[in-house]
Amino acid sequence: MTFQEISSQTNIKITQYIYQTGKIVGYKKIYNNMIVPLIQFKDLTRIWILPNEIKLHNIIK
């Protein structure tokens, strides 16, 4: 597996969502058939993130 450095411009865009509440709206299959959640925010931006990088504070069903 290879890693690429994220540009500083991308880091700025990602960090604005750190403290926002998002909803898990689906799942995406990535390399090695790993399934990761798709998170959507109020402005309809969607990101995927590895499950071990998420802190779930409140789960609303």
PDB file of N, CA and C in Angstrom:
ATOM      1  N   MET A   1       0.843  -1.169   0.000  1.00  0.00           N
ATOM      2  CA  MET A   1       0.000   0.000   0.000  1.00  0.00           C
ATOM      3  C   MET A   1       0.890   1.234   0.000  1.00  0.00           C
ATOM      4  N   THR A   2       0.530   2.218  -0.792  1.00  0.00           N
ATOM      5  CA  THR A   2       1.286   3.459  -0.829  1.00  0.00           C
ATOM      6  C   THR A   2       0.427   4.602  -0.302  1.00  0.00           C
ATOM      7  N   PHE A   3       1.076   5.570   0.276  1.00  0.00           N
ATOM      8  CA  PHE A   3       0.384   6.725   0.823  1.00  0.00           C
ATOM      9  C   PHE A   3       0.836   7.962   0.077  1.00  0.00           C
ATOM     10  N   GLN A   4      -0.098   8.861  -0.155  1.00  0.00           N
ATOM     11  CA  GLN A   4       0.234  10.123  -0.790  1.00  0.00           C
ATOM     12  C   GLN A   4       0.013  11.235   0.215  1.00  0.00           C
ATOM     13  N   GLU A   5       0.837  12.233   0.126  1.00  0.00           N
ATOM     14  CA  GLU A   5       0.704  13.380   1.006  1.00  0.00           C
ATOM     15  C   GLU A   5      -0.510  14.202   0.575  1.00  0.00           C
ATOM     16  N   ILE A   6      -1.299  14.650   1.532  1.00  0.00           N
ATOM     17  CA  ILE A   6      -2.458  15.485   1.234  1.00  0.00           C
ATOM     18  C   ILE A   6      -1.990  16.931   1.179  1.00  0.00           C
ATOM     19  N   SER A   7      -2.431  17.650   0.164  1.00  0.00           N
ATOM     20  CA  SER A   7      -2.012  19.048   0.046  1.00  0.00           C
ATOM     21  C   SER A   7      -2.586  19.871   1.188  1.00  0.00           C
ATOM     22  N   SER A   8      -1.926  20.955   1.520  1.00  0.00           N
ATOM     23  CA  SER A   8      -2.378  21.793   2.627  1.00  0.00           C
ATOM     24  C   SER A   8      -3.752  22.382   2.336  1.00  0.00           C
ATOM     25  N   GLN A   9      -4.082  22.608   1.090  1.00  0.00           N
ATOM     26  CA  GLN A   9      -5.401  23.140   0.731  1.00  0.00           C
ATOM     27  C   GLN A   9      -6.491  22.123   1.074  1.00  0.00           C
ATOM     28  N   THR A  10      -6.235  20.840   0.827  1.00  0.00           N
ATOM     29  CA  THR A  10      -7.195  19.794   1.160  1.00  0.00           C
ATOM     30  C   THR A  10      -7.345  19.680   2.663  1.00  0.00           C
ATOM     31  N   ASN A  11      -6.259  19.783   3.411  1.00  0.00           N
ATOM     32  CA  ASN A  11      -6.333  19.719   4.870  1.00  0.00           C
ATOM     33  C   ASN A  11      -7.250  20.794   5.428  1.00  0.00           C
ATOM     34  N   ILE A  12      -7.185  21.987   4.877  1.00  0.00           N
ATOM     35  CA  ILE A  12      -8.038  23.082   5.336  1.00  0.00           C
ATOM     36  C   ILE A  12      -9.500  22.741   5.087  1.00  0.00           C
ATOM     37  N   LYS A  13      -9.801  22.174   3.941  1.00  0.00           N
ATOM     38  CA  LYS A  13     -11.179  21.821   3.608  1.00  0.00           C
ATOM     39  C   LYS A  13     -11.706  20.729   4.529  1.00  0.00           C
ATOM     40  N   ILE A  14     -10.879  19.767   4.882  1.00  0.00           N
ATOM     41  CA  ILE A  14     -11.309  18.665   5.740  1.00  0.00           C
ATOM     42  C   ILE A  14     -11.486  19.125   7.177  1.00  0.00           C
ATOM     43  N   THR A  15     -10.592  19.958   7.680  1.00  0.00           N
ATOM     44  CA  THR A  15     -10.648  20.347   9.086  1.00  0.00           C
ATOM     45  C   THR A  15     -11.879  21.165   9.431  1.00  0.00           C
ATOM     46  N   GLN A  16     -12.521  21.798   8.464  1.00  0.00           N
ATOM     47  CA  GLN A  16     -13.725  22.561   8.787  1.00  0.00           C
ATOM     48  C   GLN A  16     -14.884  21.651   9.193  1.00  0.00           C
ATOM     49  N   TYR A  17     -14.783  20.346   8.946  1.00  0.00           N
ATOM     50  CA  TYR A  17     -15.854  19.413   9.285  1.00  0.00           C
ATOM     51  C   TYR A  17     -15.596  18.633  10.574  1.00  0.00           C
ATOM     52  N   ILE A  18     -14.456  18.831  11.214  1.00  0.00           N
ATOM     53  CA  ILE A  18     -14.093  18.028  12.381  1.00  0.00           C
ATOM     54  C   ILE A  18     -15.132  18.110  13.490  1.00  0.00           C
ATOM     55  N   TYR A  19     -15.636  19.293  13.788  1.00  0.00           N
ATOM     56  CA  TYR A  19     -16.559  19.459  14.908  1.00  0.00           C
ATOM     57  C   TYR A  19     -18.016  19.560  14.475  1.00  0.00           C
ATOM     58  N   GLN A  20     -18.308  19.284  13.215  1.00  0.00           N
ATOM     59  CA  GLN A  20     -19.688  19.312  12.747  1.00  0.00           C
ATOM     60  C   GLN A  20     -20.328  17.943  12.913  1.00  0.00           C
ATOM     61  N   THR A  21     -21.635  17.956  13.062  1.00  0.00           N
ATOM     62  CA  THR A  21     -22.387  16.710  13.155  1.00  0.00           C
ATOM     63  C   THR A  21     -22.689  16.225  11.745  1.00  0.00           C
ATOM     64  N   GLY A  22     -22.479  14.950  11.529  1.00  0.00           N
ATOM     65  CA  GLY A  22     -22.777  14.365  10.230  1.00  0.00           C
ATOM     66  C   GLY A  22     -23.606  13.110  10.398  1.00  0.00           C
ATOM     67  N   LYS A  23     -24.194  12.655   9.315  1.00  0.00           N
ATOM     68  CA  LYS A  23     -24.996  11.434   9.320  1.00  0.00           C
ATOM     69  C   LYS A  23     -24.329  10.410   8.415  1.00  0.00           C
ATOM     70  N   ILE A  24     -24.355   9.162   8.833  1.00  0.00           N
ATOM     71  CA  ILE A  24     -23.874   8.086   7.969  1.00  0.00           C
ATOM     72  C   ILE A  24     -24.999   7.795   6.987  1.00  0.00           C
ATOM     73  N   VAL A  25     -24.747   8.042   5.703  1.00  0.00           N
ATOM     74  CA  VAL A  25     -25.784   7.909   4.682  1.00  0.00           C
ATOM     75  C   VAL A  25     -25.563   6.708   3.763  1.00  0.00           C
ATOM     76  N   GLY A  26     -24.499   6.001   3.969  1.00  0.00           N
ATOM     77  CA  GLY A  26     -24.226   4.841   3.137  1.00  0.00           C
ATOM     78  C   GLY A  26     -22.832   4.313   3.399  1.00  0.00           C
ATOM     79  N   TYR A  27     -22.432   3.384   2.568  1.00  0.00           N
ATOM     80  CA  TYR A  27     -21.116   2.775   2.705  1.00  0.00           C
ATOM     81  C   TYR A  27     -20.470   2.672   1.339  1.00  0.00           C
ATOM     82  N   LYS A  28     -19.154   2.658   1.315  1.00  0.00           N
ATOM     83  CA  LYS A  28     -18.386   2.583   0.074  1.00  0.00           C
ATOM     84  C   LYS A  28     -17.356   1.475   0.218  1.00  0.00           C
ATOM     85  N   LYS A  29     -17.174   0.712  -0.841  1.00  0.00           N
ATOM     86  CA  LYS A  29     -16.166  -0.337  -0.847  1.00  0.00           C
ATOM     87  C   LYS A  29     -14.891   0.247  -1.439  1.00  0.00           C
ATOM     88  N   ILE A  30     -13.790   0.172  -0.673  1.00  0.00           N
ATOM     89  CA  ILE A  30     -12.514   0.687  -1.162  1.00  0.00           C
ATOM     90  C   ILE A  30     -11.541  -0.476  -1.305  1.00  0.00           C
ATOM     91  N   TYR A  31     -10.282  -0.153  -1.523  1.00  0.00           N
ATOM     92  CA  TYR A  31      -9.263  -1.167  -1.773  1.00  0.00           C
ATOM     93  C   TYR A  31      -9.350  -2.333  -0.788  1.00  0.00           C
ATOM     94  N   ASN A  32      -8.993  -3.505  -1.261  1.00  0.00           N
ATOM     95  CA  ASN A  32      -9.024  -4.742  -0.472  1.00  0.00           C
ATOM     96  C   ASN A  32     -10.415  -5.051   0.060  1.00  0.00           C
ATOM     97  N   ASN A  33     -11.448  -4.590  -0.648  1.00  0.00           N
ATOM     98  CA  ASN A  33     -12.843  -4.836  -0.282  1.00  0.00           C
ATOM     99  C   ASN A  33     -13.201  -4.357   1.112  1.00  0.00           C
ATOM    100  N   MET A  34     -12.509  -3.360   1.609  1.00  0.00           N
ATOM    101  CA  MET A  34     -12.845  -2.768   2.903  1.00  0.00           C
ATOM    102  C   MET A  34     -14.069  -1.875   2.721  1.00  0.00           C
ATOM    103  N   ILE A  35     -15.013  -1.944   3.635  1.00  0.00           N
ATOM    104  CA  ILE A  35     -16.219  -1.130   3.558  1.00  0.00           C
ATOM    105  C   ILE A  35     -16.102   0.003   4.565  1.00  0.00           C
ATOM    106  N   VAL A  36     -16.273   1.239   4.081  1.00  0.00           N
ATOM    107  CA  VAL A  36     -16.142   2.426   4.925  1.00  0.00           C
ATOM    108  C   VAL A  36     -17.436   3.236   4.863  1.00  0.00           C
ATOM    109  N   PRO A  37     -17.779   3.941   5.951  1.00  0.00           N
ATOM    110  CA  PRO A  37     -19.011   4.728   5.946  1.00  0.00           C
ATOM    111  C   PRO A  37     -18.865   6.031   5.160  1.00  0.00           C
ATOM    112  N   LEU A  38     -19.961   6.430   4.514  1.00  0.00           N
ATOM    113  CA  LEU A  38     -20.059   7.741   3.868  1.00  0.00           C
ATOM    114  C   LEU A  38     -20.788   8.660   4.834  1.00  0.00           C
ATOM    115  N   ILE A  39     -20.175   9.781   5.163  1.00  0.00           N
ATOM    116  CA  ILE A  39     -20.752  10.719   6.119  1.00  0.00           C
ATOM    117  C   ILE A  39     -21.162  11.975   5.361  1.00  0.00           C
ATOM    118  N   GLN A  40     -22.400  12.427   5.602  1.00  0.00           N
ATOM    119  CA  GLN A  40     -22.905  13.636   4.943  1.00  0.00           C
ATOM    120  C   GLN A  40     -23.138  14.717   5.982  1.00  0.00           C
ATOM    121  N   PHE A  41     -22.747  15.941   5.641  1.00  0.00           N
ATOM    122  CA  PHE A  41     -22.905  17.091   6.526  1.00  0.00           C
ATOM    123  C   PHE A  41     -24.046  17.977   6.042  1.00  0.00           C
ATOM    124  N   LYS A  42     -24.373  19.011   6.819  1.00  0.00           N
ATOM    125  CA  LYS A  42     -25.514  19.884   6.519  1.00  0.00           C
ATOM    126  C   LYS A  42     -25.429  20.540   5.146  1.00  0.00           C
ATOM    127  N   ASP A  43     -24.219  20.836   4.683  1.00  0.00           N
ATOM    128  CA  ASP A  43     -24.074  21.478   3.371  1.00  0.00           C
ATOM    129  C   ASP A  43     -24.013  20.461   2.228  1.00  0.00           C
ATOM    130  N   LEU A  44     -24.421  19.216   2.518  1.00  0.00           N
ATOM    131  CA  LEU A  44     -24.491  18.103   1.570  1.00  0.00           C
ATOM    132  C   LEU A  44     -23.128  17.589   1.117  1.00  0.00           C
ATOM    133  N   THR A  45     -22.064  18.013   1.773  1.00  0.00           N
ATOM    134  CA  THR A  45     -20.732  17.476   1.501  1.00  0.00           C
ATOM    135  C   THR A  45     -20.673  16.060   2.060  1.00  0.00           C
ATOM    136  N   ARG A  46     -20.126  15.148   1.279  1.00  0.00           N
ATOM    137  CA  ARG A  46     -19.966  13.761   1.729  1.00  0.00           C
ATOM    138  C   ARG A  46     -18.486  13.402   1.744  1.00  0.00           C
ATOM    139  N   ILE A  47     -18.092  12.684   2.787  1.00  0.00           N
ATOM    140  CA  ILE A  47     -16.724  12.176   2.873  1.00  0.00           C
ATOM    141  C   ILE A  47     -16.792  10.719   3.297  1.00  0.00           C
ATOM    142  N   TRP A  48     -15.754   9.979   3.007  1.00  0.00           N
ATOM    143  CA  TRP A  48     -15.635   8.642   3.580  1.00  0.00           C
ATOM    144  C   TRP A  48     -14.400   8.646   4.450  1.00  0.00           C
ATOM    145  N   ILE A  49     -14.451   7.825   5.482  1.00  0.00           N
ATOM    146  CA  ILE A  49     -13.368   7.800   6.459  1.00  0.00           C
ATOM    147  C   ILE A  49     -13.244   6.383   7.006  1.00  0.00           C
ATOM    148  N   LEU A  50     -12.047   6.002   7.366  1.00  0.00           N
ATOM    149  CA  LEU A  50     -11.839   4.668   7.922  1.00  0.00           C
ATOM    150  C   LEU A  50     -12.537   4.556   9.275  1.00  0.00           C
ATOM    151  N   PRO A  51     -13.180   3.425   9.548  1.00  0.00           N
ATOM    152  CA  PRO A  51     -13.935   3.269  10.799  1.00  0.00           C
ATOM    153  C   PRO A  51     -13.107   3.516  12.058  1.00  0.00           C
ATOM    154  N   ASN A  52     -11.828   3.161  12.051  1.00  0.00           N
ATOM    155  CA  ASN A  52     -11.007   3.361  13.248  1.00  0.00           C
ATOM    156  C   ASN A  52     -10.617   4.825  13.451  1.00  0.00           C
ATOM    157  N   GLU A  53     -10.978   5.715  12.518  1.00  0.00           N
ATOM    158  CA  GLU A  53     -10.682   7.139  12.648  1.00  0.00           C
ATOM    159  C   GLU A  53     -11.897   7.941  13.113  1.00  0.00           C
ATOM    160  N   ILE A  54     -13.008   7.267  13.376  1.00  0.00           N
ATOM    161  CA  ILE A  54     -14.254   7.947  13.747  1.00  0.00           C
ATOM    162  C   ILE A  54     -14.498   7.808  15.241  1.00  0.00           C
ATOM    163  N   LYS A  55     -14.939   8.902  15.852  1.00  0.00           N
ATOM    164  CA  LYS A  55     -15.441   8.855  17.224  1.00  0.00           C
ATOM    165  C   LYS A  55     -16.940   9.100  17.140  1.00  0.00           C
ATOM    166  N   LEU A  56     -17.723   8.125  17.541  1.00  0.00           N
ATOM    167  CA  LEU A  56     -19.171   8.286  17.526  1.00  0.00           C
ATOM    168  C   LEU A  56     -19.615   8.736  18.906  1.00  0.00           C
ATOM    169  N   HIS A  57     -20.158   9.938  18.993  1.00  0.00           N
ATOM    170  CA  HIS A  57     -20.592  10.468  20.278  1.00  0.00           C
ATOM    171  C   HIS A  57     -22.042  10.111  20.561  1.00  0.00           C
ATOM    172  N   ASN A  58     -22.901  10.349  19.626  1.00  0.00           N
ATOM    173  CA  ASN A  58     -24.316  10.052  19.794  1.00  0.00           C
ATOM    174  C   ASN A  58     -24.803   9.305  18.570  1.00  0.00           C
ATOM    175  N   ILE A  59     -25.468   8.214  18.805  1.00  0.00           N
ATOM    176  CA  ILE A  59     -26.047   7.465  17.703  1.00  0.00           C
ATOM    177  C   ILE A  59     -27.559   7.589  17.840  1.00  0.00           C
ATOM    178  N   ILE A  60     -28.193   8.186  16.844  1.00  0.00           N
ATOM    179  CA  ILE A  60     -29.639   8.373  16.859  1.00  0.00           C
ATOM    180  C   ILE A  60     -30.238   7.432  15.834  1.00  0.00           C
ATOM    181  N   LYS A  61     -31.191   6.639  16.268  1.00  0.00           N
ATOM    182  CA  LYS A  61     -31.843   5.695  15.352  1.00  0.00           C
ATOM    183  C   LYS A  61     -33.215   6.193  14.993  1.00  0.00           C
TER     184      LYS A  61
END
